[in-house]
């Protein structure tokens, strides 16, 4: 798993052998089974996550109903709001598949940036990309009808259709599973 992170970073910024060695010494990998809840509402999060393998879902529970807000897959990072704001989480993070995740604390991340200053620009770039993706997703949710949202999902993240249950996809799209089935049928017939 170390090599996967080094490969990811070195495609974006050049690293010396000393920097590679230091990054490897700081990385902590965790394996989580499908169904593991990484963060619950009300908990304080202490970790950032970088997914090497698997799929993690973020969701809220509103009036007893789960509402999916995002799916995170390989080479995506999760920086929980709870960690950034040092406040209890308002949402959940749960593994939809068996996952291998690089985890770090704010302190570990700071040490890495101090030792490999170029990492700061990579982290800023990743955070910016994540922010853009979330904004586009929010705009689509507000401005497109459910069928158009589904078509956009097919274009942008077709892998999710093989990895995520229709129940969770429907929740993410803001519709019922029955409505999603009708939309899929209509699209297939066209």
C-alpha atoms as a PDB file:
ATOM      1  CA  UNK A   1       0.000   0.000   0.000  1.00  0.00           C
ATOM      2  CA  UNK A   2       2.955   2.319   0.609  1.00  0.00           C
ATOM      3  CA  UNK A   3       3.858   2.082  -3.063  1.00  0.00           C
ATOM      4  CA  UNK A   4       0.360   3.086  -4.100  1.00  0.00           C
ATOM      5  CA  UNK A   5       0.543   6.315  -2.104  1.00  0.00           C
ATOM      6  CA  UNK A   6       4.094   7.056  -3.267  1.00  0.00           C
ATOM      7  CA  UNK A   7       3.017   6.418  -6.873  1.00  0.00           C
ATOM      8  CA  UNK A   8       0.022   8.737  -6.469  1.00  0.00           C
ATOM      9  CA  UNK A   9       2.110  11.560  -4.963  1.00  0.00           C
ATOM     10  CA  UNK A  10       5.093  11.212  -7.296  1.00  0.00           C
ATOM     11  CA  UNK A  11       2.874  11.529 -10.376  1.00  0.00           C
ATOM     12  CA  UNK A  12       2.088  15.043  -9.178  1.00  0.00           C
ATOM     13  CA  UNK A  13       5.215  16.187  -7.334  1.00  0.00           C
ATOM     14  CA  UNK A  14       8.804  14.903  -7.513  1.00  0.00           C
ATOM     15  CA  UNK A  15      10.062  13.178  -4.360  1.00  0.00           C
ATOM     16  CA  UNK A  16      13.565  12.467  -3.109  1.00  0.00           C
ATOM     17  CA  UNK A  17      14.434   9.072  -1.609  1.00  0.00           C
ATOM     18  CA  UNK A  18      14.576  10.722   1.836  1.00  0.00           C
ATOM     19  CA  UNK A  19      11.078  12.145   1.377  1.00  0.00           C
ATOM     20  CA  UNK A  20       9.750   8.791   0.163  1.00  0.00           C
ATOM     21  CA  UNK A  21      11.229   7.097   3.210  1.00  0.00           C
ATOM     22  CA  UNK A  22       9.697   9.687   5.548  1.00  0.00           C
ATOM     23  CA  UNK A  23       6.251   9.431   3.908  1.00  0.00           C
ATOM     24  CA  UNK A  24       6.375   5.659   4.271  1.00  0.00           C
ATOM     25  CA  UNK A  25       7.266   5.984   7.955  1.00  0.00           C
ATOM     26  CA  UNK A  26       4.272   8.250   8.589  1.00  0.00           C
ATOM     27  CA  UNK A  27       1.629   6.288   6.728  1.00  0.00           C
ATOM     28  CA  UNK A  28      -0.770   4.251   8.738  1.00  0.00           C
ATOM     29  CA  UNK A  29      -3.043   1.858   6.910  1.00  0.00           C
ATOM     30  CA  UNK A  30      -6.282   0.474   8.240  1.00  0.00           C
ATOM     31  CA  UNK A  31      -8.408  -2.316   6.850  1.00  0.00           C
ATOM     32  CA  UNK A  32     -12.124  -2.048   7.465  1.00  0.00           C
ATOM     33  CA  UNK A  33     -14.771  -4.668   6.771  1.00  0.00           C
ATOM     34  CA  UNK A  34     -17.889  -3.920   4.757  1.00  0.00           C
ATOM     35  CA  UNK A  35     -20.464  -2.374   7.096  1.00  0.00           C
ATOM     36  CA  UNK A  36     -17.916  -0.755   9.434  1.00  0.00           C
ATOM     37  CA  UNK A  37     -19.059   2.666  10.600  1.00  0.00           C
ATOM     38  CA  UNK A  38     -16.014   4.958  10.639  1.00  0.00           C
ATOM     39  CA  UNK A  39     -17.823   7.976  12.034  1.00  0.00           C
ATOM     40  CA  UNK A  40     -21.199   8.382  13.698  1.00  0.00           C
ATOM     41  CA  UNK A  41     -23.349  11.417  14.324  1.00  0.00           C
ATOM     42  CA  UNK A  42     -22.236  13.066  17.563  1.00  0.00           C
ATOM     43  CA  UNK A  43     -18.673  11.704  17.490  1.00  0.00           C
ATOM     44  CA  UNK A  44     -15.577  13.856  17.188  1.00  0.00           C
ATOM     45  CA  UNK A  45     -13.503  12.760  14.227  1.00  0.00           C
ATOM     46  CA  UNK A  46      -9.742  12.597  14.699  1.00  0.00           C
ATOM     47  CA  UNK A  47      -8.716  11.224  11.282  1.00  0.00           C
ATOM     48  CA  UNK A  48      -8.433  12.124   7.616  1.00  0.00           C
ATOM     49  CA  UNK A  49      -8.991   9.237   5.218  1.00  0.00           C
ATOM     50  CA  UNK A  50      -7.440   8.448   1.823  1.00  0.00           C
ATOM     51  CA  UNK A  51      -9.073   5.467   0.155  1.00  0.00           C
ATOM     52  CA  UNK A  52      -6.753   2.951  -1.451  1.00  0.00           C
ATOM     53  CA  UNK A  53      -9.374   0.250  -1.960  1.00  0.00           C
ATOM     54  CA  UNK A  54     -13.108   0.189  -1.408  1.00  0.00           C
ATOM     55  CA  UNK A  55     -16.102   2.493  -1.198  1.00  0.00           C
ATOM     56  CA  UNK A  56     -17.217   4.650   1.724  1.00  0.00           C
ATOM     57  CA  UNK A  57     -20.595   6.347   1.955  1.00  0.00           C
ATOM     58  CA  UNK A  58     -21.457   9.502   3.870  1.00  0.00           C
ATOM     59  CA  UNK A  59     -25.026   9.923   5.027  1.00  0.00           C
ATOM     60  CA  UNK A  60     -27.323  11.658   7.475  1.00  0.00           C
ATOM     61  CA  UNK A  61     -30.227  10.144   9.349  1.00  0.00           C
ATOM     62  CA  UNK A  62     -33.224  12.442   9.044  1.00  0.00           C
ATOM     63  CA  UNK A  63     -36.457  11.433  10.766  1.00  0.00           C
ATOM     64  CA  UNK A  64     -35.218   7.850  10.926  1.00  0.00           C
ATOM     65  CA  UNK A  65     -34.349   7.706   7.221  1.00  0.00           C
ATOM     66  CA  UNK A  66     -30.813   7.490   5.796  1.00  0.00           C
ATOM     67  CA  UNK A  67     -29.971  10.163   3.231  1.00  0.00           C
ATOM     68  CA  UNK A  68     -26.802   9.508   1.281  1.00  0.00           C
ATOM     69  CA  UNK A  69     -24.731  12.571   0.440  1.00  0.00           C
ATOM     70  CA  UNK A  70     -21.604  11.093  -1.152  1.00  0.00           C
ATOM     71  CA  UNK A  71     -19.692   8.001  -2.203  1.00  0.00           C
ATOM     72  CA  UNK A  72     -15.907   7.997  -1.890  1.00  0.00           C
ATOM     73  CA  UNK A  73     -13.801   5.489  -3.816  1.00  0.00           C
ATOM     74  CA  UNK A  74     -10.179   4.801  -4.671  1.00  0.00           C
ATOM     75  CA  UNK A  75      -7.783   7.747  -4.613  1.00  0.00           C
ATOM     76  CA  UNK A  76     -10.297  10.056  -2.979  1.00  0.00           C
ATOM     77  CA  UNK A  77      -9.790  11.695   0.346  1.00  0.00           C
ATOM     78  CA  UNK A  78     -12.296  12.370   3.081  1.00  0.00           C
ATOM     79  CA  UNK A  79     -11.682  15.329   5.358  1.00  0.00           C
ATOM     80  CA  UNK A  80     -14.577  15.202   7.819  1.00  0.00           C
ATOM     81  CA  UNK A  81     -16.077  18.533   8.816  1.00  0.00           C
ATOM     82  CA  UNK A  82     -15.954  17.323  12.409  1.00  0.00           C
ATOM     83  CA  UNK A  83     -12.155  17.212  12.212  1.00  0.00           C
ATOM     84  CA  UNK A  84     -11.806  20.601  10.549  1.00  0.00           C
ATOM     85  CA  UNK A  85     -14.198  22.388  12.918  1.00  0.00           C
ATOM     86  CA  UNK A  86     -13.425  20.280  16.001  1.00  0.00           C
ATOM     87  CA  UNK A  87     -17.095  19.694  16.635  1.00  0.00           C
ATOM     88  CA  UNK A  88     -19.329  16.619  16.795  1.00  0.00           C
ATOM     89  CA  UNK A  89     -20.141  15.072  13.435  1.00  0.00           C
ATOM     90  CA  UNK A  90     -23.587  15.609  12.005  1.00  0.00           C
ATOM     91  CA  UNK A  91     -23.283  12.667   9.623  1.00  0.00           C
ATOM     92  CA  UNK A  92     -22.033   9.093   9.318  1.00  0.00           C
ATOM     93  CA  UNK A  93     -19.251   7.464   7.296  1.00  0.00           C
ATOM     94  CA  UNK A  94     -19.723   3.778   6.552  1.00  0.00           C
ATOM     95  CA  UNK A  95     -17.858   1.211   4.430  1.00  0.00           C
ATOM     96  CA  UNK A  96     -19.965  -0.197   1.603  1.00  0.00           C
ATOM     97  CA  UNK A  97     -17.153  -2.612   0.711  1.00  0.00           C
ATOM     98  CA  UNK A  98     -14.105  -4.005   2.449  1.00  0.00           C
ATOM     99  CA  UNK A  99     -11.740  -1.022   2.474  1.00  0.00           C
ATOM    100  CA  UNK A 100      -8.037  -0.289   2.785  1.00  0.00           C
ATOM    101  CA  UNK A 101      -7.546   3.285   3.913  1.00  0.00           C
ATOM    102  CA  UNK A 102      -4.544   5.461   4.708  1.00  0.00           C
ATOM    103  CA  UNK A 103      -5.421   7.420   7.827  1.00  0.00           C
ATOM    104  CA  UNK A 104      -3.720  10.433   9.324  1.00  0.00           C
ATOM    105  CA  UNK A 105      -4.258  12.865  12.130  1.00  0.00           C
ATOM    106  CA  UNK A 106      -3.881  16.618  11.804  1.00  0.00           C
ATOM    107  CA  UNK A 107      -0.509  16.268  13.561  1.00  0.00           C
ATOM    108  CA  UNK A 108       0.734  13.590  11.152  1.00  0.00           C
ATOM    109  CA  UNK A 109      -0.343  15.687   8.181  1.00  0.00           C
ATOM    110  CA  UNK A 110       1.469  18.710   9.618  1.00  0.00           C
ATOM    111  CA  UNK A 111       4.675  16.688  10.083  1.00  0.00           C
ATOM    112  CA  UNK A 112       4.476  15.520   6.482  1.00  0.00           C
ATOM    113  CA  UNK A 113       4.020  19.067   5.204  1.00  0.00           C
ATOM    114  CA  UNK A 114       6.943  20.321   7.286  1.00  0.00           C
ATOM    115  CA  UNK A 115       9.224  17.585   5.969  1.00  0.00           C
ATOM    116  CA  UNK A 116       7.887  17.604   2.379  1.00  0.00           C
ATOM    117  CA  UNK A 117       6.638  21.176   1.789  1.00  0.00           C
ATOM    118  CA  UNK A 118       5.471  20.382  -1.748  1.00  0.00           C
ATOM    119  CA  UNK A 119       2.795  18.162  -0.214  1.00  0.00           C
ATOM    120  CA  UNK A 120       0.942  21.260   0.909  1.00  0.00           C
ATOM    121  CA  UNK A 121       0.221  22.248  -2.700  1.00  0.00           C
ATOM    122  CA  UNK A 122      -0.917  18.682  -3.452  1.00  0.00           C
ATOM    123  CA  UNK A 123      -3.232  18.700  -0.435  1.00  0.00           C
ATOM    124  CA  UNK A 124      -4.623  22.099  -1.449  1.00  0.00           C
ATOM    125  CA  UNK A 125      -5.133  20.805  -4.988  1.00  0.00           C
ATOM    126  CA  UNK A 126      -6.956  17.701  -3.692  1.00  0.00           C
ATOM    127  CA  UNK A 127      -9.122  19.785  -1.359  1.00  0.00           C
ATOM    128  CA  UNK A 128      -9.965  22.175  -4.207  1.00  0.00           C
ATOM    129  CA  UNK A 129     -10.910  19.276  -6.478  1.00  0.00           C
ATOM    130  CA  UNK A 130     -13.089  17.787  -3.752  1.00  0.00           C
ATOM    131  CA  UNK A 131     -14.775  21.157  -3.188  1.00  0.00           C
ATOM    132  CA  UNK A 132     -15.449  21.531  -6.919  1.00  0.00           C
ATOM    133  CA  UNK A 133     -16.916  18.021  -7.127  1.00  0.00           C
ATOM    134  CA  UNK A 134     -19.182  18.705  -4.169  1.00  0.00           C
ATOM    135  CA  UNK A 135     -20.324  22.031  -5.641  1.00  0.00           C
ATOM    136  CA  UNK A 136     -21.112  20.459  -9.015  1.00  0.00           C
ATOM    137  CA  UNK A 137     -23.001  17.664  -7.265  1.00  0.00           C
ATOM    138  CA  UNK A 138     -24.997  20.169  -5.194  1.00  0.00           C
ATOM    139  CA  UNK A 139     -25.770  22.302  -8.244  1.00  0.00           C
ATOM    140  CA  UNK A 140     -26.929  19.225 -10.165  1.00  0.00           C
ATOM    141  CA  UNK A 141     -29.123  18.170  -7.257  1.00  0.00           C
ATOM    142  CA  UNK A 142     -30.775  21.580  -7.113  1.00  0.00           C
ATOM    143  CA  UNK A 143     -31.123  22.192 -10.840  1.00  0.00           C
ATOM    144  CA  UNK A 144     -31.718  18.840 -12.530  1.00  0.00           C
ATOM    145  CA  UNK A 145     -34.671  16.515 -12.397  1.00  0.00           C
ATOM    146  CA  UNK A 146     -34.071  12.989 -11.060  1.00  0.00           C
ATOM    147  CA  UNK A 147     -33.648  11.440 -14.515  1.00  0.00           C
ATOM    148  CA  UNK A 148     -31.021  14.012 -15.497  1.00  0.00           C
ATOM    149  CA  UNK A 149     -29.228  13.500 -12.159  1.00  0.00           C
ATOM    150  CA  UNK A 150     -29.132   9.769 -12.852  1.00  0.00           C
ATOM    151  CA  UNK A 151     -27.777  10.340 -16.378  1.00  0.00           C
ATOM    152  CA  UNK A 152     -25.055  12.625 -14.990  1.00  0.00           C
ATOM    153  CA  UNK A 153     -24.155   9.938 -12.465  1.00  0.00           C
ATOM    154  CA  UNK A 154     -23.889   7.420 -15.324  1.00  0.00           C
ATOM    155  CA  UNK A 155     -21.505   9.776 -17.139  1.00  0.00           C
ATOM    156  CA  UNK A 156     -19.330  10.785 -14.195  1.00  0.00           C
ATOM    157  CA  UNK A 157     -19.268   7.705 -11.983  1.00  0.00           C
ATOM    158  CA  UNK A 158     -20.468   4.626 -13.866  1.00  0.00           C
ATOM    159  CA  UNK A 159     -18.480   2.393 -11.481  1.00  0.00           C
ATOM    160  CA  UNK A 160     -20.953   3.179  -8.702  1.00  0.00           C
ATOM    161  CA  UNK A 161     -23.705   1.276 -10.502  1.00  0.00           C
ATOM    162  CA  UNK A 162     -21.734  -1.940 -10.000  1.00  0.00           C
ATOM    163  CA  UNK A 163     -20.628  -1.147  -6.449  1.00  0.00           C
ATOM    164  CA  UNK A 164     -23.539   0.515  -4.700  1.00  0.00           C
ATOM    165  CA  UNK A 165     -27.028  -0.813  -3.996  1.00  0.00           C
ATOM    166  CA  UNK A 166     -29.974   0.756  -5.795  1.00  0.00           C
ATOM    167  CA  UNK A 167     -31.317   1.750  -2.381  1.00  0.00           C
ATOM    168  CA  UNK A 168     -28.226   3.896  -1.664  1.00  0.00           C
ATOM    169  CA  UNK A 169     -28.126   5.273  -5.219  1.00  0.00           C
ATOM    170  CA  UNK A 170     -31.774   6.295  -4.977  1.00  0.00           C
ATOM    171  CA  UNK A 171     -31.097   8.026  -1.657  1.00  0.00           C
ATOM    172  CA  UNK A 172     -28.129   9.847  -3.203  1.00  0.00           C
ATOM    173  CA  UNK A 173     -30.316  11.001  -6.088  1.00  0.00           C
ATOM    174  CA  UNK A 174     -33.059  12.108  -3.692  1.00  0.00           C
ATOM    175  CA  UNK A 175     -35.680   9.659  -4.941  1.00  0.00           C
ATOM    176  CA  UNK A 176     -37.238   6.362  -3.904  1.00  0.00           C
ATOM    177  CA  UNK A 177     -35.831   3.033  -5.114  1.00  0.00           C
ATOM    178  CA  UNK A 178     -39.071   2.519  -7.081  1.00  0.00           C
ATOM    179  CA  UNK A 179     -38.594   5.837  -8.905  1.00  0.00           C
ATOM    180  CA  UNK A 180     -35.005   4.884  -9.704  1.00  0.00           C
ATOM    181  CA  UNK A 181     -36.191   1.558 -11.147  1.00  0.00           C
ATOM    182  CA  UNK A 182     -38.677   3.399 -13.396  1.00  0.00           C
ATOM    183  CA  UNK A 183     -35.988   5.848 -14.551  1.00  0.00           C
ATOM    184  CA  UNK A 184     -33.574   2.996 -15.332  1.00  0.00           C
ATOM    185  CA  UNK A 185     -36.298   1.179 -17.276  1.00  0.00           C
ATOM    186  CA  UNK A 186     -37.142   4.312 -19.302  1.00  0.00           C
ATOM    187  CA  UNK A 187     -33.487   4.905 -20.151  1.00  0.00           C
ATOM    188  CA  UNK A 188     -32.995   1.272 -21.152  1.00  0.00           C
ATOM    189  CA  UNK A 189     -36.005   1.379 -23.464  1.00  0.00           C
ATOM    190  CA  UNK A 190     -34.764   4.512 -25.293  1.00  0.00           C
END
